Amino acid sequence: MGRITFAVSSPPRLDFAAINAAARSSLPALLARWLPDGHRRGHEWVARNPRRADRNAGSFSVNMRTGAWGDFATGERGGDPISLAAFLASTNQADAARGLARMLGIE
């Protein structure tokens, strides 16, 4: 009896740069959705860190131009919208990129 094999296609390659670029252009709306208790302060979105018992906004902020973010109380930080999405969703960068691409309508 012959051996049966199936061709397995690899998932489409993620274009992290394109996803980050699209996310940066939509960042104000994304941040209002992801961190609804936050507010704009200059070019920063200042909010409470939803992943810890953060009682006051101020130590967690996102640069609305670059997407770089950080929690100055814990030292957690990242450099782009995908890393922020991964952090907020407690997932890896690839899954965050896929979810963000779907959210933004990117193939």
C-alpha atoms as a PDB file:
ATOM      1  CA  MET A   1       0.000   0.000   0.000  1.00  0.00           C
ATOM      2  CA  GLY A   2       1.336   3.424  -0.917  1.00  0.00           C
ATOM      3  CA  ARG A   3       2.097   6.135   1.574  1.00  0.00           C
ATOM      4  CA  ILE A   4      -0.261   9.089   1.627  1.00  0.00           C
ATOM      5  CA  THR A   5       1.218  12.530   2.069  1.00  0.00           C
ATOM      6  CA  PHE A   6      -0.427  15.883   2.268  1.00  0.00           C
ATOM      7  CA  ALA A   7       1.067  19.130   1.198  1.00  0.00           C
ATOM      8  CA  VAL A   8       1.104  21.484   4.133  1.00  0.00           C
ATOM      9  CA  SER A   9       1.201  25.112   3.221  1.00  0.00           C
ATOM     10  CA  SER A  10       3.043  27.415   5.538  1.00  0.00           C
ATOM     11  CA  PRO A  11       1.135  30.357   6.965  1.00  0.00           C
ATOM     12  CA  PRO A  12       1.572  33.622   5.084  1.00  0.00           C
ATOM     13  CA  ARG A  13       4.632  35.584   6.091  1.00  0.00           C
ATOM     14  CA  LEU A  14       3.846  38.392   8.509  1.00  0.00           C
ATOM     15  CA  ASP A  15       4.957  41.831   7.401  1.00  0.00           C
ATOM     16  CA  PHE A  16       5.668  43.291  10.832  1.00  0.00           C
ATOM     17  CA  ALA A  17       6.809  46.632   9.361  1.00  0.00           C
ATOM     18  CA  ALA A  18       3.581  47.094   7.380  1.00  0.00           C
ATOM     19  CA  ILE A  19       1.408  46.087  10.323  1.00  0.00           C
ATOM     20  CA  ASN A  20       3.256  48.459  12.656  1.00  0.00           C
ATOM     21  CA  ALA A  21       3.007  51.292  10.114  1.00  0.00           C
ATOM     22  CA  ALA A  22      -0.743  50.804   9.731  1.00  0.00           C
ATOM     23  CA  ALA A  23      -1.161  50.577  13.502  1.00  0.00           C
ATOM     24  CA  ARG A  24       0.824  53.784  14.066  1.00  0.00           C
ATOM     25  CA  SER A  25      -1.505  55.664  11.725  1.00  0.00           C
ATOM     26  CA  SER A  26      -4.499  54.354  13.723  1.00  0.00           C
ATOM     27  CA  LEU A  27      -2.859  54.554  17.130  1.00  0.00           C
ATOM     28  CA  PRO A  28      -5.154  57.157  18.744  1.00  0.00           C
ATOM     29  CA  ALA A  29      -8.206  54.994  18.029  1.00  0.00           C
ATOM     30  CA  LEU A  30      -6.426  51.781  19.047  1.00  0.00           C
ATOM     31  CA  LEU A  31      -5.270  53.269  22.339  1.00  0.00           C
ATOM     32  CA  ALA A  32      -8.727  54.598  23.144  1.00  0.00           C
ATOM     33  CA  ARG A  33     -10.020  51.062  22.586  1.00  0.00           C
ATOM     34  CA  TRP A  34      -7.239  49.185  24.384  1.00  0.00           C
ATOM     35  CA  LEU A  35      -6.688  51.631  27.258  1.00  0.00           C
ATOM     36  CA  PRO A  36     -10.034  53.440  27.580  1.00  0.00           C
ATOM     37  CA  ASP A  37      -9.235  55.012  30.940  1.00  0.00           C
ATOM     38  CA  GLY A  38      -6.216  56.780  29.470  1.00  0.00           C
ATOM     39  CA  HIS A  39      -5.835  60.266  28.089  1.00  0.00           C
ATOM     40  CA  ARG A  40      -3.616  62.196  25.751  1.00  0.00           C
ATOM     41  CA  ARG A  41      -0.805  64.241  27.261  1.00  0.00           C
ATOM     42  CA  GLY A  42       1.179  65.876  24.471  1.00  0.00           C
ATOM     43  CA  HIS A  43       2.265  63.078  22.152  1.00  0.00           C
ATOM     44  CA  GLU A  44       1.825  60.427  24.870  1.00  0.00           C
ATOM     45  CA  TRP A  45      -1.189  58.320  25.837  1.00  0.00           C
ATOM     46  CA  VAL A  46      -1.080  58.013  29.625  1.00  0.00           C
ATOM     47  CA  ALA A  47      -3.085  55.240  31.256  1.00  0.00           C
ATOM     48  CA  ARG A  48      -3.109  52.674  34.008  1.00  0.00           C
ATOM     49  CA  ASN A  49      -1.377  49.396  33.257  1.00  0.00           C
ATOM     50  CA  PRO A  50      -4.253  46.907  32.887  1.00  0.00           C
ATOM     51  CA  ARG A  51      -1.954  43.971  33.675  1.00  0.00           C
ATOM     52  CA  ARG A  52      -1.309  44.989  37.273  1.00  0.00           C
ATOM     53  CA  ALA A  53      -3.100  46.696  40.135  1.00  0.00           C
ATOM     54  CA  ASP A  54      -2.211  50.153  38.872  1.00  0.00           C
ATOM     55  CA  ARG A  55      -4.386  52.645  40.750  1.00  0.00           C
ATOM     56  CA  ASN A  56      -3.257  55.864  39.086  1.00  0.00           C
ATOM     57  CA  ALA A  57      -2.491  56.768  35.497  1.00  0.00           C
ATOM     58  CA  GLY A  58       0.967  58.112  34.944  1.00  0.00           C
ATOM     59  CA  SER A  59       3.574  55.380  35.025  1.00  0.00           C
ATOM     60  CA  PHE A  60       2.252  53.584  31.921  1.00  0.00           C
ATOM     61  CA  SER A  61       2.454  55.531  28.679  1.00  0.00           C
ATOM     62  CA  VAL A  62       2.561  55.053  24.936  1.00  0.00           C
ATOM     63  CA  ASN A  63       4.254  57.372  22.466  1.00  0.00           C
ATOM     64  CA  MET A  64       1.513  58.112  19.936  1.00  0.00           C
ATOM     65  CA  ARG A  65       4.010  58.796  17.134  1.00  0.00           C
ATOM     66  CA  THR A  66       6.166  55.684  17.418  1.00  0.00           C
ATOM     67  CA  GLY A  67       4.105  53.221  19.439  1.00  0.00           C
ATOM     68  CA  ALA A  68       6.926  52.821  21.945  1.00  0.00           C
ATOM     69  CA  TRP A  69       5.485  52.126  25.380  1.00  0.00           C
ATOM     70  CA  GLY A  70       6.627  51.552  28.904  1.00  0.00           C
ATOM     71  CA  ASP A  71       5.577  51.037  32.474  1.00  0.00           C
ATOM     72  CA  PHE A  72       8.092  53.013  34.473  1.00  0.00           C
ATOM     73  CA  ALA A  73       7.008  51.359  37.725  1.00  0.00           C
ATOM     74  CA  THR A  74       7.833  47.819  36.527  1.00  0.00           C
ATOM     75  CA  GLY A  75      10.361  48.423  33.757  1.00  0.00           C
ATOM     76  CA  GLU A  76       8.251  46.597  31.168  1.00  0.00           C
ATOM     77  CA  ARG A  77       8.511  48.249  27.770  1.00  0.00           C
ATOM     78  CA  GLY A  78       8.393  47.794  24.022  1.00  0.00           C
ATOM     79  CA  GLY A  79       9.123  49.697  20.882  1.00  0.00           C
ATOM     80  CA  ASP A  80       6.085  49.387  18.642  1.00  0.00           C
ATOM     81  CA  PRO A  81       2.326  48.774  18.425  1.00  0.00           C
ATOM     82  CA  ILE A  82       2.719  45.018  17.906  1.00  0.00           C
ATOM     83  CA  SER A  83       4.715  44.635  21.106  1.00  0.00           C
ATOM     84  CA  LEU A  84       2.075  46.688  22.929  1.00  0.00           C
ATOM     85  CA  ALA A  85      -0.709  44.485  21.559  1.00  0.00           C
ATOM     86  CA  ALA A  86       1.238  41.372  22.601  1.00  0.00           C
ATOM     87  CA  PHE A  87       1.787  42.768  26.091  1.00  0.00           C
ATOM     88  CA  LEU A  88      -1.842  43.792  26.594  1.00  0.00           C
ATOM     89  CA  ALA A  89      -3.185  40.464  25.263  1.00  0.00           C
ATOM     90  CA  SER A  90      -0.551  38.372  27.081  1.00  0.00           C
ATOM     91  CA  THR A  91       0.427  36.688  23.832  1.00  0.00           C
ATOM     92  CA  ASN A  92       3.440  36.384  21.551  1.00  0.00           C
ATOM     93  CA  GLN A  93       4.468  38.882  18.881  1.00  0.00           C
ATOM     94  CA  ALA A  94       3.325  36.748  15.919  1.00  0.00           C
ATOM     95  CA  ASP A  95      -0.172  36.187  17.313  1.00  0.00           C
ATOM     96  CA  ALA A  96      -0.430  39.867  18.233  1.00  0.00           C
ATOM     97  CA  ALA A  97       0.642  40.852  14.699  1.00  0.00           C
ATOM     98  CA  ARG A  98      -1.957  38.531  13.155  1.00  0.00           C
ATOM     99  CA  GLY A  99      -4.710  39.893  15.406  1.00  0.00           C
ATOM    100  CA  LEU A 100      -3.702  43.482  14.787  1.00  0.00           C
ATOM    101  CA  ALA A 101      -3.587  42.893  11.025  1.00  0.00           C
ATOM    102  CA  ARG A 102      -7.123  41.440  11.139  1.00  0.00           C
ATOM    103  CA  MET A 103      -8.303  44.380  13.247  1.00  0.00           C
ATOM    104  CA  LEU A 104      -6.824  46.840  10.737  1.00  0.00           C
ATOM    105  CA  GLY A 105      -8.064  44.947   7.665  1.00  0.00           C
ATOM    106  CA  ILE A 106      -4.578  44.035   6.423  1.00  0.00           C
ATOM    107  CA  GLU A 107      -4.195  40.799   4.453  1.00  0.00           C
END
